[in-house]
């Protein structure tokens, strides 16, 4: 089992989804490519922030993810 990417997009939306998922008891991992690129000295555009959860937690997080997707 490993990590599963559930979101790619802006930092603001990723943080909002992360908060909702963690509220139901699922741990998340946030990979912020914007900050990584800035610290390395070059820019990055596109889908810059990714949110991951454990594959085994998908069933618990999926209703939250689907509700979030319907609101954006």
N, C-alpha and C. Protein backbone atom coordinates (compact mmCIF):
# COMPACT_ATOMS: atom_id res chain seq x y z
N UNK A 1 0.84 -1.17 0.00
CA UNK A 1 0.00 0.00 0.00
C UNK A 1 0.89 1.24 0.00
N UNK A 2 0.37 2.28 -0.59
CA UNK A 2 1.15 3.48 -0.68
C UNK A 2 0.27 4.70 -0.71
N UNK A 3 0.88 5.78 -1.14
CA UNK A 3 0.16 7.03 -1.22
C UNK A 3 -0.59 7.13 -2.54
N UNK A 4 -1.72 7.79 -2.49
CA UNK A 4 -2.57 7.98 -3.66
C UNK A 4 -2.82 9.47 -3.83
N UNK A 5 -2.56 9.99 -5.03
CA UNK A 5 -2.80 11.41 -5.28
C UNK A 5 -4.29 11.63 -5.47
N UNK A 6 -4.84 12.56 -4.68
CA UNK A 6 -6.27 12.83 -4.76
C UNK A 6 -6.58 14.23 -5.28
N UNK A 7 -5.55 15.08 -5.37
CA UNK A 7 -5.79 16.44 -5.83
C UNK A 7 -4.51 17.05 -6.38
N UNK A 8 -4.63 17.79 -7.47
CA UNK A 8 -3.57 18.63 -8.01
C UNK A 8 -4.19 19.96 -8.37
N UNK A 9 -3.58 21.04 -7.93
CA UNK A 9 -4.14 22.34 -8.25
C UNK A 9 -3.51 23.44 -7.44
N UNK A 10 -4.29 24.47 -7.17
CA UNK A 10 -3.79 25.63 -6.45
C UNK A 10 -3.59 25.30 -4.97
N UNK A 11 -2.72 26.06 -4.35
CA UNK A 11 -2.44 25.86 -2.94
C UNK A 11 -3.67 26.13 -2.07
N UNK A 12 -4.44 27.13 -2.41
CA UNK A 12 -5.62 27.48 -1.63
C UNK A 12 -6.64 26.35 -1.63
N UNK A 13 -6.90 25.78 -2.80
CA UNK A 13 -7.86 24.68 -2.89
C UNK A 13 -7.32 23.42 -2.20
N UNK A 14 -6.03 23.17 -2.35
CA UNK A 14 -5.42 22.00 -1.71
C UNK A 14 -5.52 22.09 -0.19
N UNK A 15 -5.26 23.26 0.36
CA UNK A 15 -5.35 23.43 1.81
C UNK A 15 -6.79 23.29 2.30
N UNK A 16 -7.75 23.78 1.51
CA UNK A 16 -9.16 23.65 1.89
C UNK A 16 -9.57 22.18 1.92
N UNK A 17 -9.17 21.42 0.89
CA UNK A 17 -9.50 20.00 0.85
C UNK A 17 -8.77 19.24 1.95
N UNK A 18 -7.53 19.59 2.19
CA UNK A 18 -6.75 18.94 3.25
C UNK A 18 -7.46 19.10 4.61
N UNK A 19 -7.95 20.28 4.88
CA UNK A 19 -8.65 20.53 6.15
C UNK A 19 -9.90 19.68 6.27
N UNK A 20 -10.67 19.56 5.19
CA UNK A 20 -11.90 18.77 5.22
C UNK A 20 -11.61 17.28 5.41
N UNK A 21 -10.57 16.79 4.75
CA UNK A 21 -10.24 15.37 4.85
C UNK A 21 -9.70 15.04 6.24
N UNK A 22 -8.86 15.90 6.77
CA UNK A 22 -8.32 15.65 8.11
C UNK A 22 -9.40 15.74 9.18
N UNK A 23 -10.48 16.48 8.91
CA UNK A 23 -11.58 16.59 9.86
C UNK A 23 -12.32 15.26 10.04
N UNK A 24 -12.24 14.37 9.03
CA UNK A 24 -12.89 13.05 9.16
C UNK A 24 -11.90 11.99 9.61
N UNK A 25 -10.69 12.40 10.00
CA UNK A 25 -9.73 11.48 10.58
C UNK A 25 -8.78 10.81 9.62
N UNK A 26 -8.59 11.38 8.43
CA UNK A 26 -7.67 10.81 7.45
C UNK A 26 -6.45 11.71 7.35
N UNK A 27 -5.27 11.13 7.55
CA UNK A 27 -4.03 11.90 7.43
C UNK A 27 -3.71 12.16 5.96
N UNK A 28 -3.13 13.33 5.70
CA UNK A 28 -2.79 13.72 4.34
C UNK A 28 -1.32 14.09 4.24
N UNK A 29 -0.82 14.09 3.00
CA UNK A 29 0.52 14.56 2.71
C UNK A 29 0.38 15.62 1.62
N UNK A 30 0.92 16.80 1.87
CA UNK A 30 0.85 17.91 0.93
C UNK A 30 2.22 18.12 0.31
N UNK A 31 2.28 18.07 -1.02
CA UNK A 31 3.53 18.31 -1.74
C UNK A 31 3.38 19.64 -2.46
N UNK A 32 4.15 20.63 -2.02
CA UNK A 32 4.03 21.98 -2.55
C UNK A 32 5.20 22.25 -3.50
N UNK A 33 4.96 22.07 -4.79
CA UNK A 33 6.01 22.29 -5.79
C UNK A 33 6.34 23.76 -5.98
N UNK A 34 5.41 24.66 -5.63
CA UNK A 34 5.68 26.09 -5.74
C UNK A 34 6.80 26.47 -4.79
N UNK A 35 6.68 26.06 -3.53
CA UNK A 35 7.71 26.38 -2.55
C UNK A 35 9.03 25.70 -2.90
N UNK A 36 8.99 24.48 -3.36
CA UNK A 36 10.20 23.77 -3.74
C UNK A 36 10.92 24.49 -4.88
N UNK A 37 10.16 24.92 -5.88
CA UNK A 37 10.75 25.62 -7.02
C UNK A 37 11.31 26.97 -6.60
N UNK A 38 10.59 27.66 -5.74
CA UNK A 38 11.05 28.98 -5.29
C UNK A 38 12.35 28.86 -4.52
N UNK A 39 12.45 27.87 -3.65
CA UNK A 39 13.67 27.68 -2.87
C UNK A 39 14.85 27.27 -3.74
N UNK A 40 14.56 26.58 -4.84
CA UNK A 40 15.63 26.16 -5.75
C UNK A 40 16.05 27.29 -6.69
N UNK A 41 15.24 28.35 -6.75
CA UNK A 41 15.62 29.50 -7.56
C UNK A 41 14.98 29.57 -8.93
N UNK A 42 13.97 28.78 -9.17
CA UNK A 42 13.27 28.86 -10.46
C UNK A 42 11.78 28.75 -10.23
N UNK A 43 11.02 29.19 -11.20
CA UNK A 43 9.57 29.21 -11.06
C UNK A 43 8.93 27.92 -11.52
N UNK A 44 7.67 27.76 -11.17
CA UNK A 44 6.91 26.59 -11.57
C UNK A 44 5.48 27.01 -11.81
N UNK A 45 4.90 26.53 -12.88
CA UNK A 45 3.50 26.87 -13.15
C UNK A 45 2.71 25.58 -13.33
N UNK A 46 1.41 25.72 -13.47
CA UNK A 46 0.57 24.54 -13.67
C UNK A 46 0.05 24.01 -12.36
N UNK A 47 -0.09 22.71 -12.30
CA UNK A 47 -0.63 22.05 -11.12
C UNK A 47 0.48 21.93 -10.09
N UNK A 48 0.60 22.93 -9.27
CA UNK A 48 1.79 23.08 -8.44
C UNK A 48 1.69 22.43 -7.07
N UNK A 49 0.50 22.15 -6.59
CA UNK A 49 0.34 21.58 -5.26
C UNK A 49 -0.43 20.27 -5.39
N UNK A 50 0.08 19.23 -4.75
CA UNK A 50 -0.54 17.91 -4.81
C UNK A 50 -0.88 17.44 -3.41
N UNK A 51 -2.00 16.74 -3.29
CA UNK A 51 -2.45 16.22 -2.00
C UNK A 51 -2.57 14.71 -2.11
N UNK A 52 -2.01 14.00 -1.13
CA UNK A 52 -1.99 12.54 -1.13
C UNK A 52 -2.61 12.01 0.16
N UNK A 53 -3.18 10.80 0.06
CA UNK A 53 -3.64 10.05 1.24
C UNK A 53 -3.18 8.60 1.07
N UNK A 54 -3.26 7.84 2.14
CA UNK A 54 -2.97 6.41 2.06
C UNK A 54 -4.08 5.73 1.26
N UNK A 55 -3.71 4.79 0.40
CA UNK A 55 -4.70 4.07 -0.40
C UNK A 55 -5.77 3.41 0.47
N UNK A 56 -5.36 2.92 1.62
CA UNK A 56 -6.30 2.21 2.50
C UNK A 56 -7.35 3.14 3.10
N UNK A 57 -7.13 4.45 3.05
CA UNK A 57 -8.07 5.43 3.62
C UNK A 57 -9.01 6.03 2.56
N UNK A 58 -8.88 5.57 1.31
CA UNK A 58 -9.66 6.18 0.24
C UNK A 58 -11.17 6.07 0.46
N UNK A 59 -11.63 4.92 0.90
CA UNK A 59 -13.08 4.74 1.10
C UNK A 59 -13.63 5.74 2.12
N UNK A 60 -12.84 6.04 3.12
CA UNK A 60 -13.27 6.99 4.16
C UNK A 60 -13.24 8.43 3.64
N UNK A 61 -12.26 8.75 2.79
CA UNK A 61 -12.09 10.12 2.31
C UNK A 61 -12.90 10.43 1.05
N UNK A 62 -13.30 9.41 0.30
CA UNK A 62 -13.94 9.64 -0.99
C UNK A 62 -15.20 10.50 -0.91
N UNK A 63 -16.12 10.31 0.05
CA UNK A 63 -17.29 11.20 0.10
C UNK A 63 -16.91 12.68 0.28
N UNK A 64 -15.88 12.94 1.05
CA UNK A 64 -15.42 14.32 1.26
C UNK A 64 -14.83 14.87 -0.03
N UNK A 65 -14.05 14.05 -0.73
CA UNK A 65 -13.42 14.47 -1.98
C UNK A 65 -14.50 14.80 -3.02
N UNK A 66 -15.48 13.91 -3.15
CA UNK A 66 -16.55 14.14 -4.14
C UNK A 66 -17.36 15.38 -3.81
N UNK A 67 -17.67 15.60 -2.55
CA UNK A 67 -18.41 16.80 -2.16
C UNK A 67 -17.59 18.05 -2.49
N UNK A 68 -16.30 18.00 -2.22
CA UNK A 68 -15.42 19.13 -2.50
C UNK A 68 -15.37 19.42 -4.00
N UNK A 69 -15.27 18.39 -4.81
CA UNK A 69 -15.20 18.58 -6.25
C UNK A 69 -16.48 19.19 -6.80
N UNK A 70 -17.61 18.90 -6.19
CA UNK A 70 -18.88 19.46 -6.66
C UNK A 70 -18.99 20.95 -6.32
N UNK A 71 -18.21 21.41 -5.35
CA UNK A 71 -18.31 22.82 -4.94
C UNK A 71 -17.31 23.72 -5.65
N UNK A 72 -16.34 23.14 -6.36
CA UNK A 72 -15.37 24.01 -7.05
C UNK A 72 -15.69 24.16 -8.52
